[in-house]
């Protein structure tokens, strides 16, 4: 039987990434950036029809 070593720090980081991506707006942003597209905050705000401040907020969370 194989033993798997679990690194708690790595699990915490993975959980944080998944949590950051779990919001519907962030999923929409990721979808808009699919294929390596480069979009400005203004382009994202226009494309998703959300407030520019909302787009900036979600991008900031995703960046962290």
N, C-alpha and C. Protein backbone atom coordinates (compact mmCIF):
# COMPACT_ATOMS: atom_id res chain seq x y z
N UNK A 1 0.84 -1.18 0.00
CA UNK A 1 0.00 0.00 0.00
C UNK A 1 0.88 1.24 0.00
N UNK A 2 0.53 2.22 -0.85
CA UNK A 2 1.30 3.45 -0.96
C UNK A 2 0.84 4.46 0.09
N UNK A 3 1.79 5.18 0.63
CA UNK A 3 1.50 6.23 1.59
C UNK A 3 1.65 7.58 0.90
N UNK A 4 0.68 8.45 1.11
CA UNK A 4 0.73 9.80 0.52
C UNK A 4 1.06 10.78 1.63
N UNK A 5 2.09 11.59 1.40
CA UNK A 5 2.46 12.63 2.35
C UNK A 5 1.72 13.91 1.98
N UNK A 6 1.02 14.47 2.95
CA UNK A 6 0.23 15.67 2.71
C UNK A 6 0.94 16.86 3.37
N UNK A 7 1.17 17.88 2.57
CA UNK A 7 1.79 19.11 3.07
C UNK A 7 0.66 20.09 3.41
N UNK A 8 0.42 20.37 4.69
CA UNK A 8 -0.68 21.25 5.08
C UNK A 8 -0.61 22.65 4.45
N UNK A 9 0.58 23.19 4.29
CA UNK A 9 0.72 24.51 3.67
C UNK A 9 0.27 24.48 2.22
N UNK A 10 0.62 23.42 1.54
CA UNK A 10 0.24 23.27 0.13
C UNK A 10 -1.28 23.13 0.00
N UNK A 11 -1.87 22.38 0.91
CA UNK A 11 -3.32 22.22 0.90
C UNK A 11 -4.03 23.55 1.19
N UNK A 12 -3.51 24.33 2.13
CA UNK A 12 -4.09 25.63 2.44
C UNK A 12 -4.02 26.56 1.24
N UNK A 13 -2.88 26.54 0.55
CA UNK A 13 -2.72 27.40 -0.64
C UNK A 13 -3.71 26.97 -1.73
N UNK A 14 -3.83 25.68 -1.95
CA UNK A 14 -4.77 25.18 -2.97
C UNK A 14 -6.20 25.56 -2.60
N UNK A 15 -6.56 25.44 -1.32
CA UNK A 15 -7.90 25.80 -0.88
C UNK A 15 -8.16 27.29 -1.09
N UNK A 16 -7.16 28.11 -0.83
CA UNK A 16 -7.29 29.56 -1.03
C UNK A 16 -7.51 29.91 -2.49
N UNK A 17 -6.78 29.23 -3.36
CA UNK A 17 -6.93 29.48 -4.80
C UNK A 17 -8.33 29.08 -5.26
N UNK A 18 -8.78 27.91 -4.84
CA UNK A 18 -10.11 27.45 -5.23
C UNK A 18 -11.19 28.38 -4.68
N UNK A 19 -11.02 28.85 -3.47
CA UNK A 19 -12.00 29.78 -2.88
C UNK A 19 -12.04 31.08 -3.67
N UNK A 20 -10.87 31.58 -4.07
CA UNK A 20 -10.80 32.83 -4.82
C UNK A 20 -11.47 32.70 -6.19
N UNK A 21 -11.43 31.52 -6.77
CA UNK A 21 -11.99 31.31 -8.09
C UNK A 21 -13.46 30.89 -8.07
N UNK A 22 -14.00 30.60 -6.90
CA UNK A 22 -15.33 30.02 -6.80
C UNK A 22 -16.48 31.00 -7.02
N UNK A 23 -16.23 32.27 -7.06
CA UNK A 23 -17.29 33.27 -7.24
C UNK A 23 -17.72 33.33 -8.72
N UNK A 24 -19.02 33.44 -8.99
CA UNK A 24 -19.49 33.47 -10.38
C UNK A 24 -18.87 34.58 -11.24
N UNK A 25 -18.65 35.75 -10.65
CA UNK A 25 -18.04 36.84 -11.43
C UNK A 25 -16.61 36.48 -11.80
N UNK A 26 -15.89 35.87 -10.88
CA UNK A 26 -14.50 35.49 -11.15
C UNK A 26 -14.42 34.38 -12.19
N UNK A 27 -15.37 33.48 -12.16
CA UNK A 27 -15.43 32.44 -13.19
C UNK A 27 -15.69 33.08 -14.55
N UNK A 28 -16.57 34.08 -14.58
CA UNK A 28 -16.84 34.80 -15.83
C UNK A 28 -15.60 35.54 -16.33
N UNK A 29 -14.85 36.12 -15.42
CA UNK A 29 -13.61 36.80 -15.80
C UNK A 29 -12.62 35.79 -16.39
N UNK A 30 -12.47 34.66 -15.74
CA UNK A 30 -11.57 33.62 -16.26
C UNK A 30 -12.01 33.17 -17.65
N UNK A 31 -13.31 33.02 -17.83
CA UNK A 31 -13.84 32.63 -19.12
C UNK A 31 -13.52 33.68 -20.18
N UNK A 32 -13.63 34.96 -19.82
CA UNK A 32 -13.31 36.05 -20.75
C UNK A 32 -11.83 36.06 -21.12
N UNK A 33 -10.99 35.61 -20.18
CA UNK A 33 -9.54 35.61 -20.41
C UNK A 33 -9.04 34.29 -21.01
N UNK A 34 -9.98 33.40 -21.35
CA UNK A 34 -9.64 32.09 -21.90
C UNK A 34 -8.73 32.21 -23.12
N UNK A 35 -7.78 31.34 -23.19
CA UNK A 35 -6.87 31.32 -24.33
C UNK A 35 -5.77 32.35 -24.24
N UNK A 36 -5.56 32.93 -23.05
CA UNK A 36 -4.47 33.88 -22.87
C UNK A 36 -4.79 35.29 -23.33
N UNK A 37 -6.08 35.58 -23.54
CA UNK A 37 -6.46 36.94 -23.92
C UNK A 37 -6.01 37.92 -22.85
N UNK A 38 -5.68 39.12 -23.29
CA UNK A 38 -5.31 40.18 -22.37
C UNK A 38 -6.38 41.27 -22.47
N UNK A 39 -7.07 41.52 -21.36
CA UNK A 39 -8.12 42.53 -21.34
C UNK A 39 -7.86 43.53 -20.22
N UNK A 40 -8.24 44.76 -20.45
CA UNK A 40 -8.15 45.78 -19.40
C UNK A 40 -9.35 45.65 -18.48
N UNK A 41 -9.29 46.32 -17.34
CA UNK A 41 -10.42 46.34 -16.41
C UNK A 41 -11.64 46.91 -17.12
N UNK A 42 -11.45 47.95 -17.90
CA UNK A 42 -12.56 48.57 -18.63
C UNK A 42 -13.18 47.59 -19.62
N UNK A 43 -12.36 46.84 -20.33
CA UNK A 43 -12.89 45.86 -21.27
C UNK A 43 -13.67 44.75 -20.55
N UNK A 44 -13.17 44.32 -19.41
CA UNK A 44 -13.87 43.30 -18.63
C UNK A 44 -15.19 43.85 -18.12
N UNK A 45 -15.17 45.06 -17.61
CA UNK A 45 -16.39 45.70 -17.08
C UNK A 45 -17.44 45.84 -18.18
N UNK A 46 -17.02 46.21 -19.37
CA UNK A 46 -17.96 46.34 -20.50
C UNK A 46 -18.46 44.98 -20.97
N UNK A 47 -17.57 44.04 -21.08
CA UNK A 47 -17.92 42.70 -21.57
C UNK A 47 -18.90 41.99 -20.64
N UNK A 48 -18.65 42.08 -19.34
CA UNK A 48 -19.48 41.37 -18.36
C UNK A 48 -20.65 42.21 -17.85
N UNK A 49 -20.69 43.48 -18.28
CA UNK A 49 -21.74 44.41 -17.86
C UNK A 49 -21.83 44.50 -16.33
N UNK A 50 -20.66 44.72 -15.72
CA UNK A 50 -20.57 44.93 -14.28
C UNK A 50 -19.90 46.28 -14.04
N UNK A 51 -20.04 46.79 -12.83
CA UNK A 51 -19.38 48.06 -12.50
C UNK A 51 -17.87 47.89 -12.60
N UNK A 52 -17.19 48.95 -12.99
CA UNK A 52 -15.73 48.89 -13.11
C UNK A 52 -15.09 48.60 -11.76
N UNK A 53 -15.64 49.18 -10.70
CA UNK A 53 -15.09 48.93 -9.37
C UNK A 53 -15.26 47.46 -8.97
N UNK A 54 -16.35 46.85 -9.40
CA UNK A 54 -16.57 45.43 -9.13
C UNK A 54 -15.55 44.58 -9.87
N UNK A 55 -15.30 44.91 -11.12
CA UNK A 55 -14.29 44.19 -11.90
C UNK A 55 -12.92 44.33 -11.24
N UNK A 56 -12.57 45.53 -10.82
CA UNK A 56 -11.28 45.77 -10.17
C UNK A 56 -11.17 44.97 -8.87
N UNK A 57 -12.25 44.96 -8.10
CA UNK A 57 -12.27 44.23 -6.83
C UNK A 57 -12.00 42.73 -7.06
N UNK A 58 -12.70 42.14 -7.99
CA UNK A 58 -12.55 40.71 -8.24
C UNK A 58 -11.18 40.39 -8.83
N UNK A 59 -10.67 41.25 -9.69
CA UNK A 59 -9.33 41.04 -10.24
C UNK A 59 -8.28 41.11 -9.14
N UNK A 60 -8.46 42.01 -8.20
CA UNK A 60 -7.53 42.14 -7.08
C UNK A 60 -7.51 40.86 -6.24
N UNK A 61 -8.67 40.31 -5.97
CA UNK A 61 -8.75 39.07 -5.20
C UNK A 61 -8.08 37.94 -5.97
N UNK A 62 -8.30 37.87 -7.26
CA UNK A 62 -7.70 36.81 -8.08
C UNK A 62 -6.18 36.96 -8.14
N UNK A 63 -5.71 38.19 -8.15
CA UNK A 63 -4.27 38.46 -8.23
C UNK A 63 -3.56 37.95 -6.96
N UNK A 64 -4.21 38.19 -5.82
CA UNK A 64 -3.60 37.78 -4.56
C UNK A 64 -3.55 36.28 -4.46
